[in-house]
């Protein structure tokens, strides 16, 4: 019984948050109702280009970025990916898939109030390197990568 009450409370809170976002957008505060969307970054074809569109200039590998991804994905239509870091000064967290038609898969805004720990699902068209990138406030882009082998592609492949 407590589980049902908990689910009901979540639904009520989600409805309230959705209503608030709509009111903020209608009042001209659209930047507060949703994260800024960088369309050009999501249309890039290479990992380096996507990082540059997201504000990263000097790109280097780091062991301080953790990526969670399966070694093998049986179905590329929904591959579970995660990224986290405890580095100070992170502005954005990016998930990029090297061989996808558009390399940038996800972009998360980070601030001092938001923990840099995200997970999502992404489509993968084929076996590829998956990059987790932390774009720092000084413009550096620190990354780690992992190869994910895809058995059945999810981007029309």
N, C-alpha and C. Protein backbone atom coordinates (compact mmCIF):
# COMPACT_ATOMS: atom_id res chain seq x y z
N UNK A 1 0.80 -1.21 0.00
CA UNK A 1 0.00 0.00 0.00
C UNK A 1 0.85 1.28 0.00
N UNK A 2 1.93 1.35 0.76
CA UNK A 2 2.75 2.57 0.73
C UNK A 2 3.33 2.85 -0.65
N UNK A 3 3.60 1.82 -1.44
CA UNK A 3 4.14 2.03 -2.78
C UNK A 3 3.15 2.79 -3.64
N UNK A 4 1.86 2.44 -3.55
CA UNK A 4 0.84 3.14 -4.33
C UNK A 4 0.75 4.61 -3.92
N UNK A 5 0.83 4.87 -2.63
CA UNK A 5 0.78 6.26 -2.17
C UNK A 5 1.99 7.04 -2.68
N UNK A 6 3.14 6.38 -2.68
CA UNK A 6 4.35 7.03 -3.16
C UNK A 6 4.24 7.36 -4.64
N UNK A 7 3.73 6.42 -5.45
CA UNK A 7 3.55 6.66 -6.88
C UNK A 7 2.55 7.78 -7.12
N UNK A 8 1.48 7.83 -6.32
CA UNK A 8 0.49 8.89 -6.46
C UNK A 8 1.12 10.25 -6.16
N UNK A 9 1.91 10.32 -5.08
CA UNK A 9 2.59 11.58 -4.73
C UNK A 9 3.53 12.03 -5.83
N UNK A 10 4.26 11.09 -6.44
CA UNK A 10 5.15 11.44 -7.54
C UNK A 10 4.37 12.03 -8.70
N UNK A 11 3.25 11.40 -9.04
CA UNK A 11 2.43 11.90 -10.14
C UNK A 11 1.93 13.32 -9.86
N UNK A 12 1.50 13.56 -8.64
CA UNK A 12 1.01 14.88 -8.26
C UNK A 12 2.14 15.90 -8.38
N UNK A 13 3.32 15.56 -7.90
CA UNK A 13 4.46 16.49 -7.98
C UNK A 13 4.87 16.72 -9.42
N UNK A 14 4.88 15.69 -10.24
CA UNK A 14 5.22 15.86 -11.66
C UNK A 14 4.22 16.77 -12.36
N UNK A 15 2.94 16.60 -12.06
CA UNK A 15 1.92 17.47 -12.66
C UNK A 15 2.14 18.92 -12.24
N UNK A 16 2.47 19.13 -10.97
CA UNK A 16 2.71 20.48 -10.48
C UNK A 16 3.94 21.10 -11.15
N UNK A 17 5.01 20.32 -11.29
CA UNK A 17 6.22 20.83 -11.94
C UNK A 17 5.97 21.14 -13.41
N UNK A 18 5.20 20.30 -14.08
CA UNK A 18 4.87 20.54 -15.48
C UNK A 18 4.05 21.82 -15.62
N UNK A 19 3.10 22.01 -14.73
CA UNK A 19 2.30 23.24 -14.75
C UNK A 19 3.17 24.47 -14.52
N UNK A 20 4.09 24.38 -13.57
CA UNK A 20 4.99 25.49 -13.28
C UNK A 20 5.86 25.81 -14.49
N UNK A 21 6.40 24.79 -15.14
CA UNK A 21 7.23 25.00 -16.33
C UNK A 21 6.42 25.69 -17.42
N UNK A 22 5.17 25.28 -17.60
CA UNK A 22 4.30 25.92 -18.59
C UNK A 22 4.04 27.38 -18.26
N UNK A 23 3.81 27.67 -17.00
CA UNK A 23 3.57 29.04 -16.58
C UNK A 23 4.82 29.90 -16.79
N UNK A 24 5.99 29.35 -16.46
CA UNK A 24 7.24 30.09 -16.66
C UNK A 24 7.47 30.38 -18.14
N UNK A 25 7.21 29.39 -18.99
CA UNK A 25 7.39 29.58 -20.43
C UNK A 25 6.41 30.63 -20.95
N UNK A 26 5.16 30.58 -20.50
CA UNK A 26 4.16 31.54 -20.94
C UNK A 26 4.49 32.95 -20.47
N UNK A 27 5.16 33.06 -19.32
CA UNK A 27 5.50 34.37 -18.77
C UNK A 27 6.80 34.92 -19.36
N UNK A 28 7.40 34.20 -20.29
CA UNK A 28 8.62 34.68 -20.91
C UNK A 28 9.89 34.19 -20.24
N UNK A 29 9.78 33.26 -19.34
CA UNK A 29 10.95 32.71 -18.67
C UNK A 29 11.28 31.32 -19.21
N UNK A 30 11.30 31.19 -20.53
CA UNK A 30 11.52 29.87 -21.13
C UNK A 30 12.88 29.29 -20.77
N UNK A 31 13.89 30.15 -20.53
CA UNK A 31 15.20 29.63 -20.17
C UNK A 31 15.17 28.96 -18.80
N UNK A 32 14.19 29.29 -17.95
CA UNK A 32 14.06 28.64 -16.66
C UNK A 32 13.22 27.38 -16.74
N UNK A 33 12.38 27.28 -17.76
CA UNK A 33 11.48 26.13 -17.84
C UNK A 33 12.11 24.93 -18.51
N UNK A 34 13.20 25.11 -19.25
CA UNK A 34 13.92 23.98 -19.84
C UNK A 34 15.36 24.40 -20.12
N UNK A 35 16.22 23.41 -20.22
CA UNK A 35 17.64 23.69 -20.45
C UNK A 35 17.84 24.25 -21.85
N UNK A 36 18.86 25.06 -21.99
CA UNK A 36 19.18 25.63 -23.30
C UNK A 36 19.54 24.50 -24.27
N UNK A 37 19.05 24.60 -25.48
CA UNK A 37 19.25 23.56 -26.48
C UNK A 37 20.19 24.09 -27.55
N UNK A 38 21.28 23.40 -27.77
CA UNK A 38 22.27 23.79 -28.76
C UNK A 38 22.12 22.86 -29.96
N UNK A 39 21.26 23.25 -30.89
CA UNK A 39 20.93 22.41 -32.04
C UNK A 39 22.17 22.08 -32.88
N UNK A 40 23.04 23.04 -33.08
CA UNK A 40 24.24 22.82 -33.91
C UNK A 40 25.10 21.71 -33.32
N UNK A 41 25.23 21.65 -32.00
CA UNK A 41 26.04 20.61 -31.36
C UNK A 41 25.45 19.22 -31.61
N UNK A 42 24.11 19.12 -31.60
CA UNK A 42 23.47 17.83 -31.81
C UNK A 42 23.48 17.41 -33.28
N UNK A 43 23.84 18.31 -34.18
CA UNK A 43 23.90 17.97 -35.60
C UNK A 43 25.32 17.65 -36.07
N UNK A 44 26.31 17.74 -35.19
CA UNK A 44 27.70 17.49 -35.57
C UNK A 44 27.92 16.02 -35.88
N UNK A 45 28.92 15.77 -36.69
CA UNK A 45 29.23 14.40 -37.11
C UNK A 45 30.44 13.82 -36.41
N UNK A 46 31.23 14.65 -35.70
CA UNK A 46 32.43 14.12 -35.03
C UNK A 46 32.41 14.47 -33.55
N UNK A 47 33.11 13.68 -32.78
CA UNK A 47 33.20 13.88 -31.34
C UNK A 47 33.87 15.21 -31.02
N UNK A 48 35.01 15.50 -31.65
CA UNK A 48 35.73 16.75 -31.37
C UNK A 48 34.89 17.98 -31.71
N UNK A 49 34.19 17.92 -32.83
CA UNK A 49 33.34 19.04 -33.25
C UNK A 49 32.21 19.27 -32.24
N UNK A 50 31.59 18.20 -31.76
CA UNK A 50 30.51 18.33 -30.78
C UNK A 50 31.01 18.93 -29.48
N UNK A 51 32.19 18.52 -29.04
CA UNK A 51 32.77 19.06 -27.81
C UNK A 51 33.03 20.56 -27.97
N UNK A 52 33.55 20.97 -29.11
CA UNK A 52 33.82 22.39 -29.35
C UNK A 52 32.53 23.21 -29.36
N UNK A 53 31.45 22.67 -29.96
CA UNK A 53 30.16 23.37 -29.96
C UNK A 53 29.59 23.49 -28.55
N UNK A 54 30.00 22.62 -27.65
CA UNK A 54 29.51 22.66 -26.27
C UNK A 54 30.44 23.45 -25.35
N UNK A 55 31.44 24.11 -25.93
CA UNK A 55 32.29 25.00 -25.14
C UNK A 55 33.63 24.44 -24.72
N UNK A 56 33.97 23.23 -25.15
CA UNK A 56 35.26 22.64 -24.80
C UNK A 56 36.33 23.05 -25.79
N UNK A 57 37.49 23.45 -25.29
CA UNK A 57 38.56 23.86 -26.20
C UNK A 57 39.73 22.87 -26.14
N UNK A 58 40.39 22.76 -25.02
CA UNK A 58 41.50 21.83 -24.86
C UNK A 58 40.93 20.50 -24.39
N UNK A 59 41.12 19.45 -25.21
CA UNK A 59 40.52 18.14 -24.94
C UNK A 59 41.61 17.18 -24.49
N UNK A 60 41.41 16.56 -23.32
CA UNK A 60 42.38 15.58 -22.83
C UNK A 60 41.69 14.48 -22.03
N UNK A 61 42.33 13.32 -22.00
CA UNK A 61 41.77 12.16 -21.30
C UNK A 61 41.96 12.32 -19.80
N UNK A 62 41.02 11.76 -19.03
CA UNK A 62 41.08 11.87 -17.58
C UNK A 62 40.52 10.60 -16.93
N UNK A 63 41.15 10.20 -15.86
CA UNK A 63 40.66 9.04 -15.09
C UNK A 63 39.64 9.49 -14.04
N UNK A 64 39.38 10.80 -13.95
CA UNK A 64 38.42 11.33 -12.98
C UNK A 64 36.99 11.33 -13.50
N UNK A 65 36.78 10.91 -14.74
CA UNK A 65 35.45 10.80 -15.32
C UNK A 65 35.12 9.31 -15.36
N UNK A 66 33.98 8.93 -14.84
CA UNK A 66 33.57 7.53 -14.84
C UNK A 66 32.43 7.32 -15.83
N UNK A 67 32.57 6.31 -16.66
CA UNK A 67 31.52 5.98 -17.63
C UNK A 67 30.97 4.60 -17.29
N UNK A 68 29.64 4.50 -17.37
CA UNK A 68 28.97 3.23 -17.16
C UNK A 68 28.30 2.86 -18.47
N UNK A 69 28.71 1.73 -19.03
CA UNK A 69 28.15 1.26 -20.30
C UNK A 69 28.41 -0.24 -20.38
N UNK A 70 27.53 -0.96 -21.05
CA UNK A 70 27.75 -2.40 -21.18
C UNK A 70 28.89 -2.69 -22.16
N UNK A 71 29.54 -3.83 -21.98
CA UNK A 71 30.54 -4.26 -22.95
C UNK A 71 29.86 -4.64 -24.26
N UNK A 72 28.71 -5.30 -24.13
CA UNK A 72 27.92 -5.73 -25.30
C UNK A 72 26.49 -5.24 -25.14
N UNK A 73 25.93 -4.69 -26.21
CA UNK A 73 24.53 -4.27 -26.23
C UNK A 73 23.83 -5.15 -27.26
N UNK A 74 22.92 -5.99 -26.81
CA UNK A 74 22.22 -6.89 -27.73
C UNK A 74 21.34 -6.13 -28.70
N UNK A 75 20.81 -5.00 -28.24
CA UNK A 75 19.94 -4.20 -29.08
C UNK A 75 20.37 -2.74 -28.96
N UNK A 76 20.82 -2.16 -30.06
CA UNK A 76 21.29 -0.78 -30.04
C UNK A 76 20.20 0.26 -29.91
N UNK A 77 18.94 -0.16 -29.89
CA UNK A 77 17.82 0.79 -29.81
C UNK A 77 17.74 1.47 -28.44
N UNK A 78 18.26 0.85 -27.40
CA UNK A 78 18.19 1.44 -26.06
C UNK A 78 19.36 0.92 -25.23
N UNK A 79 20.49 1.60 -25.32
CA UNK A 79 21.69 1.22 -24.60
C UNK A 79 21.81 2.10 -23.36
N UNK A 80 21.89 1.46 -22.19
CA UNK A 80 22.00 2.20 -20.92
C UNK A 80 23.41 2.77 -20.78
N UNK A 81 23.49 4.09 -20.58
CA UNK A 81 24.77 4.78 -20.42
C UNK A 81 24.73 5.66 -19.18
N UNK A 82 25.85 5.79 -18.52
CA UNK A 82 25.93 6.66 -17.36
C UNK A 82 27.28 7.35 -17.30
N UNK A 83 27.32 8.48 -16.65
CA UNK A 83 28.56 9.24 -16.48
C UNK A 83 28.50 9.95 -15.14
N UNK A 84 29.67 10.02 -14.48
CA UNK A 84 29.74 10.75 -13.22
C UNK A 84 31.18 11.24 -13.00
N UNK A 85 31.28 12.28 -12.20
CA UNK A 85 32.58 12.80 -11.79
C UNK A 85 32.40 13.62 -10.52
N UNK A 86 33.46 13.69 -9.74
CA UNK A 86 33.44 14.53 -8.54
C UNK A 86 34.36 15.73 -8.70
N UNK A 87 34.81 15.98 -9.93
CA UNK A 87 35.69 17.12 -10.20
C UNK A 87 34.97 18.44 -9.92
N UNK A 88 35.64 19.42 -9.33
CA UNK A 88 35.04 20.74 -9.15
C UNK A 88 35.12 21.53 -10.46
N UNK A 89 34.17 22.44 -10.67
CA UNK A 89 34.20 23.32 -11.82
C UNK A 89 33.63 22.74 -13.11
N UNK A 90 32.83 21.69 -13.00
CA UNK A 90 32.22 21.10 -14.19
C UNK A 90 31.01 21.94 -14.59
N UNK A 91 30.93 22.32 -15.88
CA UNK A 91 29.79 23.09 -16.41
C UNK A 91 28.79 22.20 -17.14
N UNK A 92 29.32 21.22 -17.90
CA UNK A 92 28.47 20.33 -18.69
C UNK A 92 29.05 18.93 -18.66
N UNK A 93 28.15 17.97 -18.78
CA UNK A 93 28.52 16.58 -18.96
C UNK A 93 27.93 16.16 -20.31
N UNK A 94 28.74 15.54 -21.15
CA UNK A 94 28.31 15.11 -22.48
C UNK A 94 28.48 13.61 -22.62
N UNK A 95 27.57 12.99 -23.35
CA UNK A 95 27.72 11.61 -23.79
C UNK A 95 27.73 11.62 -25.30
N UNK A 96 28.79 11.08 -25.88
CA UNK A 96 28.95 11.08 -27.33
C UNK A 96 29.19 9.66 -27.83
N UNK A 97 28.64 9.36 -28.99
CA UNK A 97 28.81 8.04 -29.61
C UNK A 97 29.47 8.26 -30.96
N UNK A 98 30.71 7.82 -31.07
CA UNK A 98 31.56 8.15 -32.20
C UNK A 98 30.95 7.80 -33.57
N UNK A 99 30.37 6.64 -33.73
CA UNK A 99 29.92 6.20 -35.05
C UNK A 99 28.43 6.40 -35.31
N UNK A 100 27.75 7.12 -34.45
CA UNK A 100 26.35 7.44 -34.71
C UNK A 100 26.25 8.54 -35.77
N UNK A 101 25.11 8.64 -36.46
CA UNK A 101 24.94 9.71 -37.45
C UNK A 101 25.19 11.10 -36.86
N UNK A 102 24.73 11.34 -35.64
CA UNK A 102 25.06 12.56 -34.88
C UNK A 102 25.79 12.08 -33.63
N UNK A 103 27.00 12.56 -33.44
CA UNK A 103 27.81 12.00 -32.35
C UNK A 103 27.32 12.38 -30.95
N UNK A 104 26.78 13.59 -30.77
CA UNK A 104 26.32 14.01 -29.45
C UNK A 104 24.99 13.34 -29.12
N UNK A 105 24.99 12.57 -28.05
CA UNK A 105 23.79 11.84 -27.65
C UNK A 105 23.05 12.53 -26.51
N UNK A 106 23.81 13.12 -25.56
CA UNK A 106 23.18 13.79 -24.42
C UNK A 106 24.10 14.88 -23.90
N UNK A 107 23.48 15.96 -23.42
CA UNK A 107 24.20 17.07 -22.83
C UNK A 107 23.48 17.48 -21.55
N UNK A 108 24.20 17.50 -20.44
CA UNK A 108 23.61 17.82 -19.14
C UNK A 108 24.28 19.06 -18.57
N UNK A 109 23.50 20.03 -18.14
CA UNK A 109 24.02 21.23 -17.48
C UNK A 109 24.36 20.89 -16.03
N UNK A 110 25.46 21.39 -15.55
CA UNK A 110 25.89 21.13 -14.18
C UNK A 110 26.16 22.47 -13.50
N UNK A 111 25.83 22.56 -12.24
CA UNK A 111 26.15 23.74 -11.44
C UNK A 111 26.55 23.27 -10.06
N UNK A 112 26.84 24.21 -9.18
CA UNK A 112 27.22 23.82 -7.82
C UNK A 112 26.07 23.12 -7.08
N UNK A 113 24.83 23.26 -7.58
CA UNK A 113 23.67 22.64 -6.95
C UNK A 113 23.28 21.32 -7.60
N UNK A 114 23.94 20.97 -8.70
CA UNK A 114 23.61 19.75 -9.43
C UNK A 114 24.81 18.81 -9.39
N UNK A 115 24.59 17.62 -8.86
CA UNK A 115 25.65 16.61 -8.81
C UNK A 115 25.92 16.09 -10.22
N UNK A 116 27.17 15.97 -10.59
CA UNK A 116 27.55 15.51 -11.92
C UNK A 116 27.48 13.99 -11.98
N UNK A 117 26.26 13.47 -12.02
CA UNK A 117 26.01 12.03 -12.04
C UNK A 117 24.71 11.80 -12.81
N UNK A 118 24.83 11.32 -14.06
CA UNK A 118 23.67 11.19 -14.93
C UNK A 118 23.63 9.82 -15.59
N UNK A 119 22.43 9.38 -15.92
CA UNK A 119 22.26 8.16 -16.69
C UNK A 119 21.12 8.36 -17.68
N UNK A 120 21.21 7.65 -18.79
CA UNK A 120 20.20 7.76 -19.84
C UNK A 120 20.27 6.52 -20.71
N UNK A 121 19.45 6.48 -21.70
CA UNK A 121 19.50 5.43 -22.72
C UNK A 121 19.71 6.12 -24.06
N UNK A 122 20.50 5.48 -24.91
CA UNK A 122 20.80 6.07 -26.22
C UNK A 122 20.71 5.00 -27.30
N UNK A 123 20.44 5.46 -28.51
CA UNK A 123 20.47 4.57 -29.67
C UNK A 123 21.91 4.51 -30.17
N UNK A 124 22.30 3.31 -30.56
CA UNK A 124 23.61 3.13 -31.17
C UNK A 124 23.43 2.37 -32.47
N UNK A 125 23.97 2.92 -33.56
CA UNK A 125 23.78 2.30 -34.86
C UNK A 125 24.71 1.11 -35.07
N UNK A 126 25.85 1.09 -34.38
CA UNK A 126 26.83 0.02 -34.56
C UNK A 126 27.82 0.05 -33.42
N UNK A 127 28.70 -0.94 -33.37
CA UNK A 127 29.77 -0.97 -32.37
C UNK A 127 30.56 0.33 -32.47
N UNK A 128 30.83 0.95 -31.31
CA UNK A 128 31.45 2.27 -31.33
C UNK A 128 32.08 2.59 -29.98
N UNK A 129 32.96 3.58 -30.02
CA UNK A 129 33.48 4.16 -28.78
C UNK A 129 32.41 5.11 -28.24
N UNK A 130 32.16 5.03 -26.94
CA UNK A 130 31.25 5.96 -26.26
C UNK A 130 32.12 6.84 -25.38
N UNK A 131 31.96 8.15 -25.53
CA UNK A 131 32.75 9.12 -24.78
C UNK A 131 31.89 9.78 -23.71
N UNK A 132 32.44 9.90 -22.51
CA UNK A 132 31.85 10.68 -21.44
C UNK A 132 32.78 11.87 -21.24
N UNK A 133 32.24 13.08 -21.38
CA UNK A 133 33.06 14.29 -21.37
C UNK A 133 32.56 15.25 -20.30
N UNK A 134 33.49 15.80 -19.54
CA UNK A 134 33.19 16.87 -18.59
C UNK A 134 33.78 18.16 -19.14
N UNK A 135 32.92 19.12 -19.47
CA UNK A 135 33.38 20.42 -19.94
C UNK A 135 33.51 21.31 -18.69
N UNK A 136 34.72 21.79 -18.46
CA UNK A 136 35.03 22.53 -17.25
C UNK A 136 34.78 24.03 -17.44
N UNK A 137 34.66 24.75 -16.34
CA UNK A 137 34.40 26.19 -16.40
C UNK A 137 35.55 26.96 -17.07
N UNK A 138 36.77 26.40 -17.08
CA UNK A 138 37.90 27.07 -17.73
C UNK A 138 38.03 26.68 -19.21
N UNK A 139 37.08 25.91 -19.75
CA UNK A 139 37.08 25.54 -21.16
C UNK A 139 37.72 24.20 -21.47
N UNK A 140 38.40 23.60 -20.50
CA UNK A 140 38.97 22.27 -20.75
C UNK A 140 37.84 21.26 -20.91
N UNK A 141 38.10 20.24 -21.70
CA UNK A 141 37.16 19.14 -21.85
C UNK A 141 37.90 17.85 -21.51
N UNK A 142 37.51 17.24 -20.41
CA UNK A 142 38.14 16.01 -19.95
C UNK A 142 37.23 14.85 -20.31
N UNK A 143 37.82 13.76 -20.80
CA UNK A 143 36.98 12.65 -21.26
C UNK A 143 37.54 11.30 -20.85
N UNK A 144 36.67 10.33 -20.91
CA UNK A 144 37.02 8.93 -20.86
C UNK A 144 36.18 8.24 -21.91
N UNK A 145 36.58 7.06 -22.34
CA UNK A 145 35.82 6.38 -23.38
C UNK A 145 35.78 4.89 -23.12
N UNK A 146 34.80 4.25 -23.74
CA UNK A 146 34.63 2.81 -23.62
C UNK A 146 34.00 2.30 -24.90
N UNK A 147 34.50 1.19 -25.41
CA UNK A 147 33.90 0.60 -26.59
C UNK A 147 32.70 -0.24 -26.18
N UNK A 148 31.58 -0.04 -26.90
CA UNK A 148 30.38 -0.83 -26.69
C UNK A 148 30.12 -1.58 -27.99
N UNK A 149 30.08 -2.89 -27.89
CA UNK A 149 29.82 -3.73 -29.06
C UNK A 149 28.32 -3.92 -29.21
N UNK A 150 27.79 -3.54 -30.38
CA UNK A 150 26.35 -3.61 -30.63
C UNK A 150 26.07 -4.78 -31.57
N UNK A 151 25.14 -5.66 -31.15
CA UNK A 151 24.77 -6.81 -31.96
C UNK A 151 23.74 -6.42 -33.01
N UNK A 152 22.71 -5.67 -32.61
CA UNK A 152 21.64 -5.24 -33.50
C UNK A 152 21.52 -3.72 -33.40
N UNK A 153 21.81 -3.00 -34.49
CA UNK A 153 21.81 -1.54 -34.46
C UNK A 153 20.45 -0.94 -34.21
N UNK A 154 20.45 0.27 -33.63
CA UNK A 154 19.21 0.94 -33.27
C UNK A 154 18.92 2.19 -34.07
N UNK A 155 19.81 2.62 -34.96
CA UNK A 155 19.60 3.84 -35.73
C UNK A 155 19.32 3.51 -37.19
N UNK A 156 18.48 2.55 -37.41
CA UNK A 156 18.14 2.17 -38.77
C UNK A 156 19.12 1.18 -39.37
N UNK A 157 20.06 0.68 -38.57
CA UNK A 157 21.08 -0.23 -39.08
C UNK A 157 20.85 -1.64 -38.72
